C-alpha atoms as a PDB file:
ATOM      1  CA  MET A   1      -0.121   0.203   0.023  1.00  0.00           C
ATOM      2  CA  LEU A   2       1.192   3.538  -0.801  1.00  0.00           C
ATOM      3  CA  ASP A   3       0.514   6.109   1.063  1.00  0.00           C
ATOM      4  CA  GLN A   4      -0.946   8.647  -1.572  1.00  0.00           C
ATOM      5  CA  LYS A   5       0.713  11.759  -0.792  1.00  0.00           C
ATOM      6  CA  LEU A   6       4.181  10.188  -1.432  1.00  0.00           C
ATOM      7  CA  LYS A   7       3.018   8.267  -4.183  1.00  0.00           C
ATOM      8  CA  LYS A   8       2.069  11.575  -5.921  1.00  0.00           C
ATOM      9  CA  ARG A   9       5.432  12.908  -4.932  1.00  0.00           C
ATOM     10  CA  THR A  10       7.213   9.989  -5.938  1.00  0.00           C
ATOM     11  CA  LEU A  11       5.536  10.127  -9.820  1.00  0.00           C
ATOM     12  CA  HIS A  12       6.109  13.543  -9.749  1.00  0.00           C
ATOM     13  CA  ARG A  13       9.828  13.096  -9.002  1.00  0.00           C
ATOM     14  CA  ALA A  14      10.182  10.115 -11.866  1.00  0.00           C
ATOM     15  CA  LYS A  15       8.507  12.293 -14.890  1.00  0.00           C
ATOM     16  CA  ILE A  16      10.837  14.982 -13.955  1.00  0.00           C
ATOM     17  CA  ILE A  17      13.781  12.496 -14.238  1.00  0.00           C
ATOM     18  CA  ARG A  18      12.113  10.891 -17.284  1.00  0.00           C
ATOM     19  CA  GLY A  19      12.367  14.803 -18.633  1.00  0.00           C
ATOM     20  CA  GLN A  20      16.016  15.369 -17.496  1.00  0.00           C
ATOM     21  CA  LEU A  21      17.549  11.918 -19.218  1.00  0.00           C
ATOM     22  CA  ASP A  22      15.581  12.727 -22.291  1.00  0.00           C
ATOM     23  CA  GLY A  23      17.231  15.910 -22.099  1.00  0.00           C
ATOM     24  CA  LEU A  24      20.707  14.269 -21.556  1.00  0.00           C
ATOM     25  CA  ILE A  25      19.737  12.167 -24.442  1.00  0.00           C
ATOM     26  CA  LYS A  26      19.309  14.845 -26.846  1.00  0.00           C
ATOM     27  CA  ALA A  27      22.338  16.274 -25.762  1.00  0.00           C
ATOM     28  CA  ILE A  28      24.605  13.599 -26.902  1.00  0.00           C
ATOM     29  CA  GLU A  29      23.049  13.244 -29.976  1.00  0.00           C
ATOM     30  CA  LYS A  30      24.020  16.771 -30.367  1.00  0.00           C
ATOM     31  CA  GLU A  31      27.414  16.518 -29.092  1.00  0.00           C
ATOM     32  CA  ALA A  32      26.981  19.205 -26.493  1.00  0.00           C
ATOM     33  CA  TYR A  33      30.398  19.941 -24.537  1.00  0.00           C
ATOM     34  CA  CYS A  34      31.553  17.165 -22.047  1.00  0.00           C
ATOM     35  CA  PRO A  35      31.406  19.094 -19.003  1.00  0.00           C
ATOM     36  CA  ASP A  36      27.866  20.012 -19.733  1.00  0.00           C
ATOM     37  CA  LEU A  37      26.392  16.752 -20.435  1.00  0.00           C
ATOM     38  CA  LEU A  38      28.350  15.699 -17.221  1.00  0.00           C
ATOM     39  CA  GLY A  39      26.435  18.363 -15.418  1.00  0.00           C
ATOM     40  CA  GLN A  40      23.427  17.049 -16.540  1.00  0.00           C
ATOM     41  CA  SER A  41      24.622  13.547 -15.796  1.00  0.00           C
ATOM     42  CA  ARG A  42      25.322  14.930 -12.341  1.00  0.00           C
ATOM     43  CA  SER A  43      21.758  16.392 -12.031  1.00  0.00           C
ATOM     44  CA  ILE A  44      20.027  13.300 -12.811  1.00  0.00           C
ATOM     45  CA  GLN A  45      22.178  11.334 -10.699  1.00  0.00           C
ATOM     46  CA  ARG A  46      20.990  13.683  -7.403  1.00  0.00           C
ATOM     47  CA  SER A  47      17.520  13.491  -8.804  1.00  0.00           C
ATOM     48  CA  LEU A  48      17.682   9.655  -8.481  1.00  0.00           C
ATOM     49  CA  LYS A  49      18.737   9.623  -4.418  1.00  0.00           C
ATOM     50  CA  SER A  50      15.662  12.499  -4.059  1.00  0.00           C
ATOM     51  CA  LEU A  51      13.442   9.553  -5.565  1.00  0.00           C
ATOM     52  CA  ASP A  52      14.747   6.718  -3.545  1.00  0.00           C
ATOM     53  CA  ALA A  53      14.352   8.748  -0.543  1.00  0.00           C
ATOM     54  CA  TYR A  54      10.465   9.057  -1.335  1.00  0.00           C
ATOM     55  CA  MET A  55      10.225   5.575  -1.766  1.00  0.00           C
ATOM     56  CA  LEU A  56      12.437   4.400   1.063  1.00  0.00           C
ATOM     57  CA  GLU A  57      10.060   6.869   3.346  1.00  0.00           C
ATOM     58  CA  ASN A  58       7.030   5.079   1.973  1.00  0.00           C
ATOM     59  CA  HIS A  59       8.233   1.725   2.736  1.00  0.00           C
ATOM     60  CA  LEU A  60       9.062   2.839   6.447  1.00  0.00           C
ATOM     61  CA  ARG A  61       5.567   4.468   6.780  1.00  0.00           C
ATOM     62  CA  THR A  62       3.582   1.553   5.237  1.00  0.00           C
ATOM     63  CA  HIS A  63       5.086  -1.761   4.856  1.00  0.00           C
ATOM     64  CA  VAL A  64       7.392  -1.780   7.937  1.00  0.00           C
ATOM     65  CA  ARG A  65       5.347   0.305  10.029  1.00  0.00           C
ATOM     66  CA  ARG A  66       2.596  -2.459   9.533  1.00  0.00           C
ATOM     67  CA  GLN A  67       5.382  -5.488   9.597  1.00  0.00           C
ATOM     68  CA  MET A  68       6.563  -4.102  13.692  1.00  0.00           C
ATOM     69  CA  GLN A  69       3.081  -4.541  14.529  1.00  0.00           C
ATOM     70  CA  GLN A  70       3.054  -8.274  13.463  1.00  0.00           C
ATOM     71  CA  LYS A  71       3.772 -10.543  15.210  1.00  0.00           C
ATOM     72  CA  GLY A  72       7.185 -11.893  14.251  1.00  0.00           C
ATOM     73  CA  GLY A  73       7.400  -9.371  11.280  1.00  0.00           C
ATOM     74  CA  GLU A  74      10.584  -7.365  13.279  1.00  0.00           C
ATOM     75  CA  GLU A  75      12.554  -9.696  11.547  1.00  0.00           C
ATOM     76  CA  LYS A  76      11.805  -9.477   8.128  1.00  0.00           C
ATOM     77  CA  ALA A  77      11.513  -5.266   8.591  1.00  0.00           C
ATOM     78  CA  ILE A  78      15.132  -5.823   9.833  1.00  0.00           C
ATOM     79  CA  LYS A  79      16.080  -7.891   6.767  1.00  0.00           C
ATOM     80  CA  GLU A  80      14.636  -5.854   4.551  1.00  0.00           C
ATOM     81  CA  LEU A  81      15.850  -2.727   6.136  1.00  0.00           C
ATOM     82  CA  ILE A  82      19.372  -4.327   6.553  1.00  0.00           C
ATOM     83  CA  LYS A  83      19.154  -5.124   2.707  1.00  0.00           C
ATOM     84  CA  VAL A  84      18.483  -1.505   1.445  1.00  0.00           C
ATOM     85  CA  TYR A  85      21.348  -0.142   3.453  1.00  0.00           C
ATOM     86  CA  THR A  86      23.371  -2.256   1.957  1.00  0.00           C
ATOM     87  CA  LEU A  87      21.927  -1.779  -1.725  1.00  0.00           C
ATOM     88  CA  SER A  88      22.763   2.151  -1.292  1.00  0.00           C
ATOM     89  CA  ASN A  89      26.575   1.669   0.353  1.00  0.00           C
ATOM     90  CA  ARG A  90      27.410   0.313  -3.308  1.00  0.00           C
END
């Protein structure tokens, strides 16, 4: 289940990223100046981190909260959070 406010913000961020990526593709096709391309790429990467934060917040507010309330769900929640943390540090 998604928090509807977070869903709206997450979709908005994903659409912005899609537009940024389309812009980068066009700039590459036009052979734009490399530092400009790198700047656009870094901007997309920062936007992706922001998107990740929205998705993590949703997971914590919905799924983890529910798991912590269920008997035996604590261990599943902990394992998922460790997995997310491990992925974020690669």
